[in-house]
Amino acid sequence: MNIIHQTVLGNDGNPEAVIIPWDVFLEIQNLVDDGEPTPEELEAINEAEADRKAGNTDAFTDLEDLKVELSL
């Protein structure tokens, strides 16, 4: 997400705050406040939990493989 913003600098020249458009703030606030997963996200969570309980390790990505995939 690319957010158009203004950076507010302190007396020391370091960033202290940002100013963003109101509609962007409301969108972010809704994401944070809502916090409820979508039906699709809930389904994926439930499937992952079932796989974990069943010991189905093939359903998951190894941490080292994920680091490589994300170039970490």
PDB file of N, CA and C in Angstrom:
ATOM      1  N   MET A   1       0.854  -1.170   0.000  1.00  0.00           N
ATOM      2  CA  MET A   1       0.000   0.000   0.000  1.00  0.00           C
ATOM      3  C   MET A   1       0.898   1.230   0.000  1.00  0.00           C
ATOM      4  N   ASN A   2       0.670   2.108  -0.912  1.00  0.00           N
ATOM      5  CA  ASN A   2       1.422   3.355  -0.979  1.00  0.00           C
ATOM      6  C   ASN A   2       0.537   4.460  -0.405  1.00  0.00           C
ATOM      7  N   ILE A   3       0.989   5.079   0.687  1.00  0.00           N
ATOM      8  CA  ILE A   3       0.193   6.103   1.359  1.00  0.00           C
ATOM      9  C   ILE A   3       0.852   7.462   1.168  1.00  0.00           C
ATOM     10  N   ILE A   4       0.110   8.386   0.585  1.00  0.00           N
ATOM     11  CA  ILE A   4       0.595   9.756   0.465  1.00  0.00           C
ATOM     12  C   ILE A   4       0.545  10.367   1.861  1.00  0.00           C
ATOM     13  N   HIS A   5       1.654  10.942   2.289  1.00  0.00           N
ATOM     14  CA  HIS A   5       1.726  11.466   3.648  1.00  0.00           C
ATOM     15  C   HIS A   5       2.709  12.627   3.734  1.00  0.00           C
ATOM     16  N   GLN A   6       2.642  13.317   4.841  1.00  0.00           N
ATOM     17  CA  GLN A   6       3.623  14.346   5.175  1.00  0.00           C
ATOM     18  C   GLN A   6       4.294  13.901   6.472  1.00  0.00           C
ATOM     19  N   THR A   7       5.601  14.064   6.535  1.00  0.00           N
ATOM     20  CA  THR A   7       6.340  13.683   7.727  1.00  0.00           C
ATOM     21  C   THR A   7       6.598  14.920   8.574  1.00  0.00           C
ATOM     22  N   VAL A   8       6.320  14.819   9.863  1.00  0.00           N
ATOM     23  CA  VAL A   8       6.566  15.906  10.807  1.00  0.00           C
ATOM     24  C   VAL A   8       7.876  15.593  11.522  1.00  0.00           C
ATOM     25  N   LEU A   9       8.829  16.519  11.417  1.00  0.00           N
ATOM     26  CA  LEU A   9      10.138  16.324  12.033  1.00  0.00           C
ATOM     27  C   LEU A   9      10.224  17.063  13.355  1.00  0.00           C
ATOM     28  N   GLY A  10      10.935  16.461  14.297  1.00  0.00           N
ATOM     29  CA  GLY A  10      11.164  17.111  15.575  1.00  0.00           C
ATOM     30  C   GLY A  10      12.317  18.091  15.481  1.00  0.00           C
ATOM     31  N   ASN A  11      12.617  18.749  16.580  1.00  0.00           N
ATOM     32  CA  ASN A  11      13.716  19.719  16.613  1.00  0.00           C
ATOM     33  C   ASN A  11      15.048  19.086  16.259  1.00  0.00           C
ATOM     34  N   ASP A  12      15.187  17.784  16.519  1.00  0.00           N
ATOM     35  CA  ASP A  12      16.439  17.094  16.206  1.00  0.00           C
ATOM     36  C   ASP A  12      16.499  16.613  14.762  1.00  0.00           C
ATOM     37  N   GLY A  13      15.438  16.865  13.996  1.00  0.00           N
ATOM     38  CA  GLY A  13      15.410  16.479  12.591  1.00  0.00           C
ATOM     39  C   GLY A  13      14.924  15.062  12.337  1.00  0.00           C
ATOM     40  N   ASN A  14      14.601  14.345  13.396  1.00  0.00           N
ATOM     41  CA  ASN A  14      14.103  12.978  13.244  1.00  0.00           C
ATOM     42  C   ASN A  14      12.580  12.983  13.106  1.00  0.00           C
ATOM     43  N   PRO A  15      12.046  12.026  12.336  1.00  0.00           N
ATOM     44  CA  PRO A  15      10.594  11.940  12.184  1.00  0.00           C
ATOM     45  C   PRO A  15       9.909  11.694  13.521  1.00  0.00           C
ATOM     46  N   GLU A  16       8.811  12.418  13.750  1.00  0.00           N
ATOM     47  CA  GLU A  16       8.048  12.260  14.984  1.00  0.00           C
ATOM     48  C   GLU A  16       6.595  11.895  14.726  1.00  0.00           C
ATOM     49  N   ALA A  17       6.076  12.256  13.566  1.00  0.00           N
ATOM     50  CA  ALA A  17       4.670  11.987  13.268  1.00  0.00           C
ATOM     51  C   ALA A  17       4.477  12.069  11.757  1.00  0.00           C
ATOM     52  N   VAL A  18       3.294  11.605  11.323  1.00  0.00           N
ATOM     53  CA  VAL A  18       2.929  11.740   9.915  1.00  0.00           C
ATOM     54  C   VAL A  18       1.506  12.263   9.814  1.00  0.00           C
ATOM     55  N   ILE A  19       1.248  12.907   8.716  1.00  0.00           N
ATOM     56  CA  ILE A  19      -0.098  13.373   8.389  1.00  0.00           C
ATOM     57  C   ILE A  19      -0.536  12.584   7.162  1.00  0.00           C
ATOM     58  N   ILE A  20      -1.690  11.904   7.293  1.00  0.00           N
ATOM     59  CA  ILE A  20      -2.220  11.108   6.188  1.00  0.00           C
ATOM     60  C   ILE A  20      -3.634  11.571   5.871  1.00  0.00           C
ATOM     61  N   PRO A  21      -4.107  11.275   4.656  1.00  0.00           N
ATOM     62  CA  PRO A  21      -5.483  11.650   4.313  1.00  0.00           C
ATOM     63  C   PRO A  21      -6.484  10.967   5.255  1.00  0.00           C
ATOM     64  N   TRP A  22      -7.569  11.661   5.559  1.00  0.00           N
ATOM     65  CA  TRP A  22      -8.570  11.164   6.498  1.00  0.00           C
ATOM     66  C   TRP A  22      -9.142   9.825   6.062  1.00  0.00           C
ATOM     67  N   ASP A  23      -9.433   9.648   4.763  1.00  0.00           N
ATOM     68  CA  ASP A  23     -10.020   8.387   4.306  1.00  0.00           C
ATOM     69  C   ASP A  23      -9.059   7.223   4.486  1.00  0.00           C
ATOM     70  N   VAL A  24      -7.764   7.477   4.345  1.00  0.00           N
ATOM     71  CA  VAL A  24      -6.771   6.432   4.577  1.00  0.00           C
ATOM     72  C   VAL A  24      -6.733   6.077   6.063  1.00  0.00           C
ATOM     73  N   PHE A  25      -6.793   7.099   6.918  1.00  0.00           N
ATOM     74  CA  PHE A  25      -6.831   6.856   8.357  1.00  0.00           C
ATOM     75  C   PHE A  25      -8.031   5.996   8.726  1.00  0.00           C
ATOM     76  N   LEU A  26      -9.201   6.314   8.190  1.00  0.00           N
ATOM     77  CA  LEU A  26     -10.406   5.545   8.504  1.00  0.00           C
ATOM     78  C   LEU A  26     -10.284   4.099   8.044  1.00  0.00           C
ATOM     79  N   GLU A  27      -9.687   3.897   6.866  1.00  0.00           N
ATOM     80  CA  GLU A  27      -9.488   2.539   6.356  1.00  0.00           C
ATOM     81  C   GLU A  27      -8.577   1.741   7.289  1.00  0.00           C
ATOM     82  N   ILE A  28      -7.479   2.352   7.703  1.00  0.00           N
ATOM     83  CA  ILE A  28      -6.547   1.694   8.625  1.00  0.00           C
ATOM     84  C   ILE A  28      -7.227   1.441   9.968  1.00  0.00           C
ATOM     85  N   GLN A  29      -7.960   2.418  10.460  1.00  0.00           N
ATOM     86  CA  GLN A  29      -8.644   2.272  11.740  1.00  0.00           C
ATOM     87  C   GLN A  29      -9.645   1.118  11.698  1.00  0.00           C
ATOM     88  N   ASN A  30     -10.371   0.997  10.600  1.00  0.00           N
ATOM     89  CA  ASN A  30     -11.317  -0.103  10.462  1.00  0.00           C
ATOM     90  C   ASN A  30     -10.611  -1.447  10.465  1.00  0.00           C
ATOM     91  N   LEU A  31      -9.466  -1.526   9.814  1.00  0.00           N
ATOM     92  CA  LEU A  31      -8.707  -2.775   9.803  1.00  0.00           C
ATOM     93  C   LEU A  31      -8.240  -3.140  11.200  1.00  0.00           C
ATOM     94  N   VAL A  32      -7.760  -2.155  11.934  1.00  0.00           N
ATOM     95  CA  VAL A  32      -7.240  -2.403  13.282  1.00  0.00           C
ATOM     96  C   VAL A  32      -8.366  -2.669  14.267  1.00  0.00           C
ATOM     97  N   ASP A  33      -9.385  -1.843  14.241  1.00  0.00           N
ATOM     98  CA  ASP A  33     -10.479  -1.969  15.195  1.00  0.00           C
ATOM     99  C   ASP A  33     -11.330  -3.203  14.947  1.00  0.00           C
ATOM    100  N   ASP A  34     -11.579  -3.488  13.682  1.00  0.00           N
ATOM    101  CA  ASP A  34     -12.441  -4.614  13.342  1.00  0.00           C
ATOM    102  C   ASP A  34     -11.805  -5.905  13.830  1.00  0.00           C
ATOM    103  N   GLY A  35     -10.614  -6.159  13.372  1.00  0.00           N
ATOM    104  CA  GLY A  35      -9.855  -7.300  13.829  1.00  0.00           C
ATOM    105  C   GLY A  35     -10.490  -8.652  13.590  1.00  0.00           C
ATOM    106  N   GLU A  36     -11.692  -8.699  13.086  1.00  0.00           N
ATOM    107  CA  GLU A  36     -12.360  -9.969  12.830  1.00  0.00           C
ATOM    108  C   GLU A  36     -11.929 -10.499  11.468  1.00  0.00           C
ATOM    109  N   PRO A  37     -11.581 -11.773  11.414  1.00  0.00           N
ATOM    110  CA  PRO A  37     -11.190 -12.339  10.116  1.00  0.00           C
ATOM    111  C   PRO A  37     -12.392 -12.444   9.177  1.00  0.00           C
ATOM    112  N   THR A  38     -12.099 -12.344   7.894  1.00  0.00           N
ATOM    113  CA  THR A  38     -13.134 -12.551   6.881  1.00  0.00           C
ATOM    114  C   THR A  38     -13.522 -14.030   6.890  1.00  0.00           C
ATOM    115  N   PRO A  39     -14.646 -14.393   6.279  1.00  0.00           N
ATOM    116  CA  PRO A  39     -15.004 -15.822   6.209  1.00  0.00           C
ATOM    117  C   PRO A  39     -13.906 -16.667   5.547  1.00  0.00           C
ATOM    118  N   GLU A  40     -13.249 -16.116   4.533  1.00  0.00           N
ATOM    119  CA  GLU A  40     -12.177 -16.852   3.863  1.00  0.00           C
ATOM    120  C   GLU A  40     -10.985 -17.044   4.788  1.00  0.00           C
ATOM    121  N   GLU A  41     -10.632 -15.989   5.538  1.00  0.00           N
ATOM    122  CA  GLU A  41      -9.522 -16.094   6.480  1.00  0.00           C
ATOM    123  C   GLU A  41      -9.846 -17.082   7.597  1.00  0.00           C
ATOM    124  N   LEU A  42     -11.077 -17.054   8.080  1.00  0.00           N
ATOM    125  CA  LEU A  42     -11.500 -17.972   9.130  1.00  0.00           C
ATOM    126  C   LEU A  42     -11.437 -19.417   8.644  1.00  0.00           C
ATOM    127  N   GLU A  43     -11.847 -19.650   7.402  1.00  0.00           N
ATOM    128  CA  GLU A  43     -11.771 -20.994   6.829  1.00  0.00           C
ATOM    129  C   GLU A  43     -10.319 -21.467   6.758  1.00  0.00           C
ATOM    130  N   ALA A  44      -9.410 -20.584   6.316  1.00  0.00           N
ATOM    131  CA  ALA A  44      -7.997 -20.945   6.229  1.00  0.00           C
ATOM    132  C   ALA A  44      -7.411 -21.226   7.612  1.00  0.00           C
ATOM    133  N   ILE A  45      -7.809 -20.440   8.595  1.00  0.00           N
ATOM    134  CA  ILE A  45      -7.347 -20.651   9.974  1.00  0.00           C
ATOM    135  C   ILE A  45      -7.826 -22.013  10.478  1.00  0.00           C
ATOM    136  N   ASN A  46      -9.082 -22.316  10.244  1.00  0.00           N
ATOM    137  CA  ASN A  46      -9.639 -23.593  10.692  1.00  0.00           C
ATOM    138  C   ASN A  46      -8.966 -24.782   9.997  1.00  0.00           C
ATOM    139  N   GLU A  47      -8.691 -24.641   8.703  1.00  0.00           N
ATOM    140  CA  GLU A  47      -7.997 -25.701   7.969  1.00  0.00           C
ATOM    141  C   GLU A  47      -6.589 -25.897   8.513  1.00  0.00           C
ATOM    142  N   ALA A  48      -5.895 -24.803   8.786  1.00  0.00           N
ATOM    143  CA  ALA A  48      -4.534 -24.898   9.324  1.00  0.00           C
ATOM    144  C   ALA A  48      -4.546 -25.549  10.702  1.00  0.00           C
ATOM    145  N   GLU A  49      -5.524 -25.191  11.521  1.00  0.00           N
ATOM    146  CA  GLU A  49      -5.628 -25.778  12.855  1.00  0.00           C
ATOM    147  C   GLU A  49      -5.909 -27.282  12.760  1.00  0.00           C
ATOM    148  N   ALA A  50      -6.776 -27.678  11.838  1.00  0.00           N
ATOM    149  CA  ALA A  50      -7.070 -29.103  11.649  1.00  0.00           C
ATOM    150  C   ALA A  50      -5.824 -29.850  11.185  1.00  0.00           C
ATOM    151  N   ASP A  51      -5.069 -29.265  10.255  1.00  0.00           N
ATOM    152  CA  ASP A  51      -3.826 -29.887   9.785  1.00  0.00           C
ATOM    153  C   ASP A  51      -2.816 -30.006  10.919  1.00  0.00           C
ATOM    154  N   ARG A  52      -2.725 -28.974  11.749  1.00  0.00           N
ATOM    155  CA  ARG A  52      -1.784 -29.016  12.870  1.00  0.00           C
ATOM    156  C   ARG A  52      -2.149 -30.129  13.839  1.00  0.00           C
ATOM    157  N   LYS A  53      -3.434 -30.204  14.178  1.00  0.00           N
ATOM    158  CA  LYS A  53      -3.890 -31.243  15.106  1.00  0.00           C
ATOM    159  C   LYS A  53      -3.684 -32.639  14.542  1.00  0.00           C
ATOM    160  N   ALA A  54      -3.825 -32.776  13.215  1.00  0.00           N
ATOM    161  CA  ALA A  54      -3.659 -34.074  12.569  1.00  0.00           C
ATOM    162  C   ALA A  54      -2.192 -34.408  12.335  1.00  0.00           C
ATOM    163  N   GLY A  55      -1.302 -33.462  12.610  1.00  0.00           N
ATOM    164  CA  GLY A  55       0.123 -33.701  12.387  1.00  0.00           C
ATOM    165  C   GLY A  55       0.518 -33.662  10.927  1.00  0.00           C
ATOM    166  N   ASN A  56      -0.279 -33.021  10.100  1.00  0.00           N
ATOM    167  CA  ASN A  56      -0.028 -32.936   8.662  1.00  0.00           C
ATOM    168  C   ASN A  56       1.004 -31.845   8.382  1.00  0.00           C
ATOM    169  N   THR A  57       2.275 -32.158   8.556  1.00  0.00           N
ATOM    170  CA  THR A  57       3.335 -31.163   8.371  1.00  0.00           C
ATOM    171  C   THR A  57       3.506 -30.761   6.908  1.00  0.00           C
ATOM    172  N   ASP A  58       3.021 -31.589   5.973  1.00  0.00           N
ATOM    173  CA  ASP A  58       3.116 -31.236   4.551  1.00  0.00           C
ATOM    174  C   ASP A  58       2.262 -30.024   4.203  1.00  0.00           C
ATOM    175  N   ALA A  59       1.301 -29.693   5.050  1.00  0.00           N
ATOM    176  CA  ALA A  59       0.419 -28.553   4.795  1.00  0.00           C
ATOM    177  C   ALA A  59       1.089 -27.228   5.130  1.00  0.00           C
ATOM    178  N   PHE A  60       2.266 -27.288   5.741  1.00  0.00           N
ATOM    179  CA  PHE A  60       2.942 -26.077   6.202  1.00  0.00           C
ATOM    180  C   PHE A  60       4.280 -25.900   5.509  1.00  0.00           C
ATOM    181  N   THR A  61       4.745 -24.655   5.463  1.00  0.00           N
ATOM    182  CA  THR A  61       6.039 -24.328   4.887  1.00  0.00           C
ATOM    183  C   THR A  61       7.069 -24.281   6.002  1.00  0.00           C
ATOM    184  N   ASP A  62       8.189 -24.955   5.793  1.00  0.00           N
ATOM    185  CA  ASP A  62       9.286 -24.933   6.747  1.00  0.00           C
ATOM    186  C   ASP A  62       9.805 -23.501   6.899  1.00  0.00           C
ATOM    187  N   LEU A  63      10.154 -23.114   8.120  1.00  0.00           N
ATOM    188  CA  LEU A  63      10.613 -21.749   8.382  1.00  0.00           C
ATOM    189  C   LEU A  63      11.816 -21.381   7.528  1.00  0.00           C
ATOM    190  N   GLU A  64      12.774 -22.272   7.386  1.00  0.00           N
ATOM    191  CA  GLU A  64      13.965 -21.969   6.576  1.00  0.00           C
ATOM    192  C   GLU A  64      13.588 -21.781   5.112  1.00  0.00           C
ATOM    193  N   ASP A  65      12.659 -22.590   4.599  1.00  0.00           N
ATOM    194  CA  ASP A  65      12.195 -22.420   3.220  1.00  0.00           C
ATOM    195  C   ASP A  65      11.488 -21.087   3.046  1.00  0.00           C
ATOM    196  N   LEU A  66      10.706 -20.696   4.057  1.00  0.00           N
ATOM    197  CA  LEU A  66       9.998 -19.432   3.994  1.00  0.00           C
ATOM    198  C   LEU A  66      10.973 -18.261   3.987  1.00  0.00           C
ATOM    199  N   LYS A  67      12.036 -18.349   4.788  1.00  0.00           N
ATOM    200  CA  LYS A  67      13.048 -17.290   4.802  1.00  0.00           C
ATOM    201  C   LYS A  67      13.691 -17.139   3.432  1.00  0.00           C
ATOM    202  N   VAL A  68      13.972 -18.252   2.779  1.00  0.00           N
ATOM    203  CA  VAL A  68      14.554 -18.205   1.440  1.00  0.00           C
ATOM    204  C   VAL A  68      13.567 -17.575   0.462  1.00  0.00           C
ATOM    205  N   GLU A  69      12.317 -18.004   0.549  1.00  0.00           N
ATOM    206  CA  GLU A  69      11.279 -17.481  -0.348  1.00  0.00           C
ATOM    207  C   GLU A  69      11.096 -15.970  -0.184  1.00  0.00           C
ATOM    208  N   LEU A  70      11.200 -15.500   1.060  1.00  0.00           N
ATOM    209  CA  LEU A  70      11.032 -14.068   1.333  1.00  0.00           C
ATOM    210  C   LEU A  70      12.337 -13.283   1.273  1.00  0.00           C
ATOM    211  N   SER A  71      13.412 -13.968   0.920  1.00  0.00           N
ATOM    212  CA  SER A  71      14.746 -13.336   0.841  1.00  0.00           C
ATOM    213  C   SER A  71      15.156 -12.709   2.164  1.00  0.00           C
ATOM    214  N   LEU A  72      14.946 -13.427   3.245  1.00  0.00           N
ATOM    215  CA  LEU A  72      15.322 -12.929   4.579  1.00  0.00           C
ATOM    216  C   LEU A  72      16.648 -13.500   5.012  1.00  0.00           C
TER     217      LEU A  72
END
